[in-house]
Amino acid sequence: METFIFLGLAFLGLLLFLILPNPQNTKIGSPCYEVRHIGEHEWHKISETKVMERLVDSFDPVTPIISRMLKGEEIIVSQEIYRVLSR
């Protein structure tokens, strides 16, 4: 059951990315994510799967958080900060 919820959320995240207007990026594609541990200065690429797993553990519902990330906002959880990779 959790697998279906997770896959649904991943699909929803991709769908939101394709639907939300972004005047800076007219190219259609899936977002890449970055993570930075609190107290560090370096960002690291992270898979969409890992981002979704960690966000689901921290937020209920997760859809508004994904929408904010896709609009360029950094999301802070207990030990990490997530954002969509700037291109």
PDB file of N, CA and C in Angstrom:
ATOM      1  N   MET A   1       0.812  -1.194   0.000  1.00  0.00           N
ATOM      2  CA  MET A   1       0.000   0.000   0.000  1.00  0.00           C
ATOM      3  C   MET A   1       0.859   1.263   0.000  1.00  0.00           C
ATOM      4  N   GLU A   2       1.918   1.289   0.817  1.00  0.00           N
ATOM      5  CA  GLU A   2       2.790   2.453   0.871  1.00  0.00           C
ATOM      6  C   GLU A   2       3.470   2.699  -0.473  1.00  0.00           C
ATOM      7  N   THR A   3       3.790   1.602  -1.181  1.00  0.00           N
ATOM      8  CA  THR A   3       4.415   1.725  -2.498  1.00  0.00           C
ATOM      9  C   THR A   3       3.491   2.447  -3.463  1.00  0.00           C
ATOM     10  N   PHE A   4       2.201   2.112  -3.432  1.00  0.00           N
ATOM     11  CA  PHE A   4       1.245   2.770  -4.322  1.00  0.00           C
ATOM     12  C   PHE A   4       1.102   4.249  -3.977  1.00  0.00           C
ATOM     13  N   ILE A   5       1.086   4.562  -2.699  1.00  0.00           N
ATOM     14  CA  ILE A   5       1.007   5.967  -2.279  1.00  0.00           C
ATOM     15  C   ILE A   5       2.240   6.722  -2.754  1.00  0.00           C
ATOM     16  N   PHE A   6       3.415   6.123  -2.553  1.00  0.00           N
ATOM     17  CA  PHE A   6       4.661   6.762  -2.962  1.00  0.00           C
ATOM     18  C   PHE A   6       4.700   6.986  -4.475  1.00  0.00           C
ATOM     19  N   LEU A   7       4.319   5.963  -5.252  1.00  0.00           N
ATOM     20  CA  LEU A   7       4.320   6.099  -6.707  1.00  0.00           C
ATOM     21  C   LEU A   7       3.313   7.162  -7.146  1.00  0.00           C
ATOM     22  N   GLY A   8       2.182   7.217  -6.460  1.00  0.00           N
ATOM     23  CA  GLY A   8       1.186   8.245  -6.775  1.00  0.00           C
ATOM     24  C   GLY A   8       1.719   9.636  -6.516  1.00  0.00           C
ATOM     25  N   LEU A   9       2.434   9.798  -5.403  1.00  0.00           N
ATOM     26  CA  LEU A   9       3.011  11.104  -5.083  1.00  0.00           C
ATOM     27  C   LEU A   9       4.101  11.503  -6.075  1.00  0.00           C
ATOM     28  N   ALA A  10       4.903  10.526  -6.492  1.00  0.00           N
ATOM     29  CA  ALA A  10       5.947  10.822  -7.479  1.00  0.00           C
ATOM     30  C   ALA A  10       5.309  11.260  -8.794  1.00  0.00           C
ATOM     31  N   PHE A  11       4.252  10.560  -9.202  1.00  0.00           N
ATOM     32  CA  PHE A  11       3.546  10.919 -10.429  1.00  0.00           C
ATOM     33  C   PHE A  11       2.916  12.297 -10.295  1.00  0.00           C
ATOM     34  N   LEU A  12       2.329  12.568  -9.128  1.00  0.00           N
ATOM     35  CA  LEU A  12       1.713  13.873  -8.891  1.00  0.00           C
ATOM     36  C   LEU A  12       2.751  14.988  -8.965  1.00  0.00           C
ATOM     37  N   GLY A  13       3.937  14.743  -8.403  1.00  0.00           N
ATOM     38  CA  GLY A  13       5.003  15.735  -8.473  1.00  0.00           C
ATOM     39  C   GLY A  13       5.394  16.046  -9.910  1.00  0.00           C
ATOM     40  N   LEU A  14       5.527  15.008 -10.717  1.00  0.00           N
ATOM     41  CA  LEU A  14       5.861  15.197 -12.128  1.00  0.00           C
ATOM     42  C   LEU A  14       4.738  15.933 -12.847  1.00  0.00           C
ATOM     43  N   LEU A  15       3.504  15.565 -12.556  1.00  0.00           N
ATOM     44  CA  LEU A  15       2.362  16.223 -13.177  1.00  0.00           C
ATOM     45  C   LEU A  15       2.320  17.706 -12.819  1.00  0.00           C
ATOM     46  N   LEU A  16       2.545  18.029 -11.549  1.00  0.00           N
ATOM     47  CA  LEU A  16       2.569  19.438 -11.135  1.00  0.00           C
ATOM     48  C   LEU A  16       3.671  20.205 -11.846  1.00  0.00           C
ATOM     49  N   PHE A  17       4.816  19.575 -12.013  1.00  0.00           N
ATOM     50  CA  PHE A  17       5.928  20.227 -12.713  1.00  0.00           C
ATOM     51  C   PHE A  17       5.549  20.570 -14.149  1.00  0.00           C
ATOM     52  N   LEU A  18       4.825  19.670 -14.798  1.00  0.00           N
ATOM     53  CA  LEU A  18       4.445  19.903 -16.186  1.00  0.00           C
ATOM     54  C   LEU A  18       3.319  20.919 -16.316  1.00  0.00           C
ATOM     55  N   ILE A  19       2.466  21.005 -15.291  1.00  0.00           N
ATOM     56  CA  ILE A  19       1.306  21.896 -15.355  1.00  0.00           C
ATOM     57  C   ILE A  19       1.647  23.324 -14.950  1.00  0.00           C
ATOM     58  N   LEU A  20       2.446  23.484 -13.891  1.00  0.00           N
ATOM     59  CA  LEU A  20       2.733  24.824 -13.374  1.00  0.00           C
ATOM     60  C   LEU A  20       3.545  25.638 -14.376  1.00  0.00           C
ATOM     61  N   PRO A  21       3.109  26.860 -14.647  1.00  0.00           N
ATOM     62  CA  PRO A  21       3.852  27.687 -15.600  1.00  0.00           C
ATOM     63  C   PRO A  21       5.181  28.155 -15.019  1.00  0.00           C
ATOM     64  N   ASN A  22       6.183  28.162 -15.866  1.00  0.00           N
ATOM     65  CA  ASN A  22       7.501  28.657 -15.471  1.00  0.00           C
ATOM     66  C   ASN A  22       8.059  29.448 -16.648  1.00  0.00           C
ATOM     67  N   PRO A  23       7.965  30.776 -16.614  1.00  0.00           N
ATOM     68  CA  PRO A  23       8.399  31.577 -17.750  1.00  0.00           C
ATOM     69  C   PRO A  23       9.897  31.506 -18.012  1.00  0.00           C
ATOM     70  N   GLN A  24      10.687  31.112 -17.014  1.00  0.00           N
ATOM     71  CA  GLN A  24      12.131  31.049 -17.203  1.00  0.00           C
ATOM     72  C   GLN A  24      12.562  29.782 -17.933  1.00  0.00           C
ATOM     73  N   ASN A  25      11.737  28.763 -17.896  1.00  0.00           N
ATOM     74  CA  ASN A  25      12.117  27.486 -18.479  1.00  0.00           C
ATOM     75  C   ASN A  25      10.984  26.968 -19.353  1.00  0.00           C
ATOM     76  N   THR A  26      11.135  27.087 -20.662  1.00  0.00           N
ATOM     77  CA  THR A  26      10.105  26.615 -21.571  1.00  0.00           C
ATOM     78  C   THR A  26      10.319  25.162 -21.967  1.00  0.00           C
ATOM     79  N   LYS A  27      11.436  24.587 -21.554  1.00  0.00           N
ATOM     80  CA  LYS A  27      11.743  23.199 -21.834  1.00  0.00           C
ATOM     81  C   LYS A  27      10.963  22.282 -20.895  1.00  0.00           C
ATOM     82  N   ILE A  28      10.346  21.240 -21.446  1.00  0.00           N
ATOM     83  CA  ILE A  28       9.611  20.297 -20.618  1.00  0.00           C
ATOM     84  C   ILE A  28      10.550  19.161 -20.235  1.00  0.00           C
ATOM     85  N   GLY A  29      10.574  18.833 -18.968  1.00  0.00           N
ATOM     86  CA  GLY A  29      11.405  17.750 -18.477  1.00  0.00           C
ATOM     87  C   GLY A  29      11.121  17.515 -17.012  1.00  0.00           C
ATOM     88  N   SER A  30      11.694  16.484 -16.470  1.00  0.00           N
ATOM     89  CA  SER A  30      11.466  16.228 -15.053  1.00  0.00           C
ATOM     90  C   SER A  30      12.514  16.954 -14.225  1.00  0.00           C
ATOM     91  N   PRO A  31      12.122  17.391 -13.027  1.00  0.00           N
ATOM     92  CA  PRO A  31      13.057  18.155 -12.201  1.00  0.00           C
ATOM     93  C   PRO A  31      14.155  17.280 -11.610  1.00  0.00           C
ATOM     94  N   CYS A  32      15.297  17.888 -11.367  1.00  0.00           N
ATOM     95  CA  CYS A  32      16.380  17.249 -10.630  1.00  0.00           C
ATOM     96  C   CYS A  32      16.429  17.939  -9.270  1.00  0.00           C
ATOM     97  N   TYR A  33      16.795  17.195  -8.245  1.00  0.00           N
ATOM     98  CA  TYR A  33      16.761  17.730  -6.893  1.00  0.00           C
ATOM     99  C   TYR A  33      18.145  17.781  -6.275  1.00  0.00           C
ATOM    100  N   GLU A  34      18.299  18.697  -5.300  1.00  0.00           N
ATOM    101  CA  GLU A  34      19.530  18.822  -4.534  1.00  0.00           C
ATOM    102  C   GLU A  34      19.191  18.798  -3.050  1.00  0.00           C
ATOM    103  N   VAL A  35      20.169  18.375  -2.251  1.00  0.00           N
ATOM    104  CA  VAL A  35      20.020  18.363  -0.800  1.00  0.00           C
ATOM    105  C   VAL A  35      21.277  18.961  -0.175  1.00  0.00           C
ATOM    106  N   ARG A  36      21.081  19.655   0.944  1.00  0.00           N
ATOM    107  CA  ARG A  36      22.200  20.199   1.704  1.00  0.00           C
ATOM    108  C   ARG A  36      21.907  19.934   3.166  1.00  0.00           C
ATOM    109  N   HIS A  37      22.849  19.349   3.866  1.00  0.00           N
ATOM    110  CA  HIS A  37      22.686  19.114   5.292  1.00  0.00           C
ATOM    111  C   HIS A  37      22.818  20.443   6.024  1.00  0.00           C
ATOM    112  N   ILE A  38      21.987  20.661   7.013  1.00  0.00           N
ATOM    113  CA  ILE A  38      22.029  21.893   7.791  1.00  0.00           C
ATOM    114  C   ILE A  38      23.394  22.004   8.457  1.00  0.00           C
ATOM    115  N   GLY A  39      24.014  23.158   8.322  1.00  0.00           N
ATOM    116  CA  GLY A  39      25.350  23.387   8.862  1.00  0.00           C
ATOM    117  C   GLY A  39      26.442  23.227   7.818  1.00  0.00           C
ATOM    118  N   GLU A  40      26.102  22.682   6.662  1.00  0.00           N
ATOM    119  CA  GLU A  40      27.060  22.537   5.560  1.00  0.00           C
ATOM    120  C   GLU A  40      26.741  23.576   4.496  1.00  0.00           C
ATOM    121  N   HIS A  41      27.678  23.787   3.579  1.00  0.00           N
ATOM    122  CA  HIS A  41      27.485  24.806   2.544  1.00  0.00           C
ATOM    123  C   HIS A  41      27.342  24.207   1.147  1.00  0.00           C
ATOM    124  N   GLU A  42      27.630  22.946   0.996  1.00  0.00           N
ATOM    125  CA  GLU A  42      27.659  22.310  -0.316  1.00  0.00           C
ATOM    126  C   GLU A  42      26.347  21.572  -0.609  1.00  0.00           C
ATOM    127  N   TRP A  43      25.817  21.797  -1.820  1.00  0.00           N
ATOM    128  CA  TRP A  43      24.623  21.093  -2.285  1.00  0.00           C
ATOM    129  C   TRP A  43      25.044  19.827  -3.019  1.00  0.00           C
ATOM    130  N   HIS A  44      24.214  18.771  -2.900  1.00  0.00           N
ATOM    131  CA  HIS A  44      24.479  17.501  -3.572  1.00  0.00           C
ATOM    132  C   HIS A  44      23.220  17.074  -4.325  1.00  0.00           C
ATOM    133  N   LYS A  45      23.401  16.523  -5.528  1.00  0.00           N
ATOM    134  CA  LYS A  45      22.262  15.989  -6.259  1.00  0.00           C
ATOM    135  C   LYS A  45      21.703  14.792  -5.496  1.00  0.00           C
ATOM    136  N   ILE A  46      20.388  14.624  -5.570  1.00  0.00           N
ATOM    137  CA  ILE A  46      19.714  13.518  -4.894  1.00  0.00           C
ATOM    138  C   ILE A  46      18.607  13.018  -5.815  1.00  0.00           C
ATOM    139  N   SER A  47      18.343  11.732  -5.786  1.00  0.00           N
ATOM    140  CA  SER A  47      17.331  11.165  -6.671  1.00  0.00           C
ATOM    141  C   SER A  47      15.932  11.615  -6.245  1.00  0.00           C
ATOM    142  N   GLU A  48      15.041  11.637  -7.209  1.00  0.00           N
ATOM    143  CA  GLU A  48      13.654  12.017  -6.929  1.00  0.00           C
ATOM    144  C   GLU A  48      13.044  11.045  -5.923  1.00  0.00           C
ATOM    145  N   THR A  49      13.398   9.781  -6.017  1.00  0.00           N
ATOM    146  CA  THR A  49      12.881   8.769  -5.094  1.00  0.00           C
ATOM    147  C   THR A  49      13.246   9.101  -3.656  1.00  0.00           C
ATOM    148  N   LYS A  50      14.511   9.434  -3.406  1.00  0.00           N
ATOM    149  CA  LYS A  50      14.960   9.769  -2.055  1.00  0.00           C
ATOM    150  C   LYS A  50      14.273  11.030  -1.542  1.00  0.00           C
ATOM    151  N   VAL A  51      14.135  12.034  -2.394  1.00  0.00           N
ATOM    152  CA  VAL A  51      13.465  13.269  -1.989  1.00  0.00           C
ATOM    153  C   VAL A  51      12.035  12.967  -1.565  1.00  0.00           C
ATOM    154  N   MET A  52      11.317  12.212  -2.395  1.00  0.00           N
ATOM    155  CA  MET A  52       9.918  11.904  -2.096  1.00  0.00           C
ATOM    156  C   MET A  52       9.794  11.099  -0.807  1.00  0.00           C
ATOM    157  N   GLU A  53      10.656  10.114  -0.605  1.00  0.00           N
ATOM    158  CA  GLU A  53      10.617   9.312   0.618  1.00  0.00           C
ATOM    159  C   GLU A  53      10.808  10.192   1.850  1.00  0.00           C
ATOM    160  N   ARG A  54      11.783  11.086   1.807  1.00  0.00           N
ATOM    161  CA  ARG A  54      12.087  11.928   2.957  1.00  0.00           C
ATOM    162  C   ARG A  54      11.015  12.989   3.196  1.00  0.00           C
ATOM    163  N   LEU A  55      10.447  13.535   2.109  1.00  0.00           N
ATOM    164  CA  LEU A  55       9.393  14.532   2.280  1.00  0.00           C
ATOM    165  C   LEU A  55       8.119  13.898   2.825  1.00  0.00           C
ATOM    166  N   VAL A  56       7.802  12.687   2.375  1.00  0.00           N
ATOM    167  CA  VAL A  56       6.620  11.985   2.875  1.00  0.00           C
ATOM    168  C   VAL A  56       6.762  11.736   4.373  1.00  0.00           C
ATOM    169  N   ASP A  57       7.985  11.448   4.832  1.00  0.00           N
ATOM    170  CA  ASP A  57       8.217  11.237   6.265  1.00  0.00           C
ATOM    171  C   ASP A  57       8.042  12.523   7.067  1.00  0.00           C
ATOM    172  N   SER A  58       8.218  13.685   6.435  1.00  0.00           N
ATOM    173  CA  SER A  58       8.199  14.954   7.160  1.00  0.00           C
ATOM    174  C   SER A  58       6.911  15.763   7.005  1.00  0.00           C
ATOM    175  N   PHE A  59       6.148  15.540   5.935  1.00  0.00           N
ATOM    176  CA  PHE A  59       4.983  16.376   5.658  1.00  0.00           C
ATOM    177  C   PHE A  59       3.764  15.529   5.311  1.00  0.00           C
ATOM    178  N   ASP A  60       2.604  15.989   5.766  1.00  0.00           N
ATOM    179  CA  ASP A  60       1.341  15.363   5.412  1.00  0.00           C
ATOM    180  C   ASP A  60       0.312  16.469   5.262  1.00  0.00           C
ATOM    181  N   PRO A  61      -0.158  16.774   4.098  1.00  0.00           N
ATOM    182  CA  PRO A  61       0.133  16.157   2.802  1.00  0.00           C
ATOM    183  C   PRO A  61       1.425  16.711   2.200  1.00  0.00           C
ATOM    184  N   VAL A  62       1.976  15.985   1.257  1.00  0.00           N
ATOM    185  CA  VAL A  62       3.247  16.371   0.659  1.00  0.00           C
ATOM    186  C   VAL A  62       3.069  17.222  -0.606  1.00  0.00           C
ATOM    187  N   THR A  63       1.892  17.180  -1.210  1.00  0.00           N
ATOM    188  CA  THR A  63       1.667  17.898  -2.475  1.00  0.00           C
ATOM    189  C   THR A  63       1.952  19.395  -2.391  1.00  0.00           C
ATOM    190  N   PRO A  64       1.510  20.117  -1.350  1.00  0.00           N
ATOM    191  CA  PRO A  64       1.846  21.556  -1.284  1.00  0.00           C
ATOM    192  C   PRO A  64       3.351  21.813  -1.199  1.00  0.00           C
ATOM    193  N   ILE A  65       4.082  20.930  -0.550  1.00  0.00           N
ATOM    194  CA  ILE A  65       5.529  21.090  -0.422  1.00  0.00           C
ATOM    195  C   ILE A  65       6.192  20.928  -1.784  1.00  0.00           C
ATOM    196  N   ILE A  66       5.750  19.928  -2.540  1.00  0.00           N
ATOM    197  CA  ILE A  66       6.312  19.711  -3.876  1.00  0.00           C
ATOM    198  C   ILE A  66       6.018  20.917  -4.758  1.00  0.00           C
ATOM    199  N   SER A  67       4.814  21.454  -4.668  1.00  0.00           N
ATOM    200  CA  SER A  67       4.455  22.650  -5.456  1.00  0.00           C
ATOM    201  C   SER A  67       5.374  23.817  -5.126  1.00  0.00           C
ATOM    202  N   ARG A  68       5.650  24.017  -3.834  1.00  0.00           N
ATOM    203  CA  ARG A  68       6.539  25.110  -3.431  1.00  0.00           C
ATOM    204  C   ARG A  68       7.949  24.903  -3.965  1.00  0.00           C
ATOM    205  N   MET A  69       8.435  23.660  -3.953  1.00  0.00           N
ATOM    206  CA  MET A  69       9.771  23.367  -4.492  1.00  0.00           C
ATOM    207  C   MET A  69       9.831  23.654  -5.984  1.00  0.00           C
ATOM    208  N   LEU A  70       8.784  23.262  -6.690  1.00  0.00           N
ATOM    209  CA  LEU A  70       8.766  23.467  -8.135  1.00  0.00           C
ATOM    210  C   LEU A  70       8.696  24.951  -8.497  1.00  0.00           C
ATOM    211  N   LYS A  71       8.266  25.770  -7.564  1.00  0.00           N
ATOM    212  CA  LYS A  71       8.234  27.225  -7.775  1.00  0.00           C
ATOM    213  C   LYS A  71       9.542  27.884  -7.354  1.00  0.00           C
ATOM    214  N   GLY A  72      10.520  27.071  -6.899  1.00  0.00           N
ATOM    215  CA  GLY A  72      11.838  27.604  -6.575  1.00  0.00           C
ATOM    216  C   GLY A  72      12.147  27.752  -5.098  1.00  0.00           C
ATOM    217  N   GLU A  73      11.234  27.370  -4.239  1.00  0.00           N
ATOM    218  CA  GLU A  73      11.452  27.519  -2.798  1.00  0.00           C
ATOM    219  C   GLU A  73      12.303  26.371  -2.243  1.00  0.00           C
ATOM    220  N   GLU A  74      13.139  26.674  -1.261  1.00  0.00           N
ATOM    221  CA  GLU A  74      13.908  25.652  -0.555  1.00  0.00           C
ATOM    222  C   GLU A  74      13.063  25.147   0.616  1.00  0.00           C
ATOM    223  N   ILE A  75      13.031  23.841   0.812  1.00  0.00           N
ATOM    224  CA  ILE A  75      12.231  23.226   1.863  1.00  0.00           C
ATOM    225  C   ILE A  75      13.161  22.700   2.949  1.00  0.00           C
ATOM    226  N   ILE A  76      12.947  23.150   4.172  1.00  0.00           N
ATOM    227  CA  ILE A  76      13.804  22.772   5.297  1.00  0.00           C
ATOM    228  C   ILE A  76      13.087  21.718   6.133  1.00  0.00           C
ATOM    229  N   VAL A  77      13.774  20.597   6.382  1.00  0.00           N
ATOM    230  CA  VAL A  77      13.295  19.575   7.310  1.00  0.00           C
ATOM    231  C   VAL A  77      14.299  19.495   8.449  1.00  0.00           C
ATOM    232  N   SER A  78      14.168  18.544   9.326  1.00  0.00           N
ATOM    233  CA  SER A  78      14.957  18.528  10.560  1.00  0.00           C
ATOM    234  C   SER A  78      16.462  18.648  10.347  1.00  0.00           C
ATOM    235  N   GLN A  79      17.041  17.913   9.439  1.00  0.00           N
ATOM    236  CA  GLN A  79      18.492  17.910   9.270  1.00  0.00           C
ATOM    237  C   GLN A  79      18.948  18.329   7.872  1.00  0.00           C
ATOM    238  N   GLU A  80      18.009  18.569   6.959  1.00  0.00           N
ATOM    239  CA  GLU A  80      18.383  18.824   5.566  1.00  0.00           C
ATOM    240  C   GLU A  80      17.514  19.914   4.949  1.00  0.00           C
ATOM    241  N   ILE A  81      17.999  20.436   3.823  1.00  0.00           N
ATOM    242  CA  ILE A  81      17.272  21.407   3.020  1.00  0.00           C
ATOM    243  C   ILE A  81      17.209  20.843   1.601  1.00  0.00           C
ATOM    244  N   TYR A  82      16.022  20.908   0.996  1.00  0.00           N
ATOM    245  CA  TYR A  82      15.832  20.385  -0.359  1.00  0.00           C
ATOM    246  C   TYR A  82      15.432  21.514  -1.295  1.00  0.00           C
ATOM    247  N   ARG A  83      15.822  21.368  -2.565  1.00  0.00           N
ATOM    248  CA  ARG A  83      15.392  22.315  -3.596  1.00  0.00           C
ATOM    249  C   ARG A  83      15.491  21.619  -4.946  1.00  0.00           C
ATOM    250  N   VAL A  84      14.804  22.221  -5.932  1.00  0.00           N
ATOM    251  CA  VAL A  84      14.921  21.761  -7.306  1.00  0.00           C
ATOM    252  C   VAL A  84      16.234  22.326  -7.831  1.00  0.00           C
ATOM    253  N   LEU A  85      17.015  21.520  -8.511  1.00  0.00           N
ATOM    254  CA  LEU A  85      18.301  21.924  -9.045  1.00  0.00           C
ATOM    255  C   LEU A  85      18.123  23.068 -10.026  1.00  0.00           C
ATOM    256  N   SER A  86      18.848  24.159  -9.824  1.00  0.00           N
ATOM    257  CA  SER A  86      18.813  25.296 -10.744  1.00  0.00           C
ATOM    258  C   SER A  86      19.556  24.918 -12.012  1.00  0.00           C
ATOM    259  N   ARG A  87      18.961  25.244 -13.138  1.00  0.00           N
ATOM    260  CA  ARG A  87      19.596  24.880 -14.418  1.00  0.00           C
ATOM    261  C   ARG A  87      20.153  26.080 -15.097  1.00  0.00           C
TER     262      ARG A  87
END
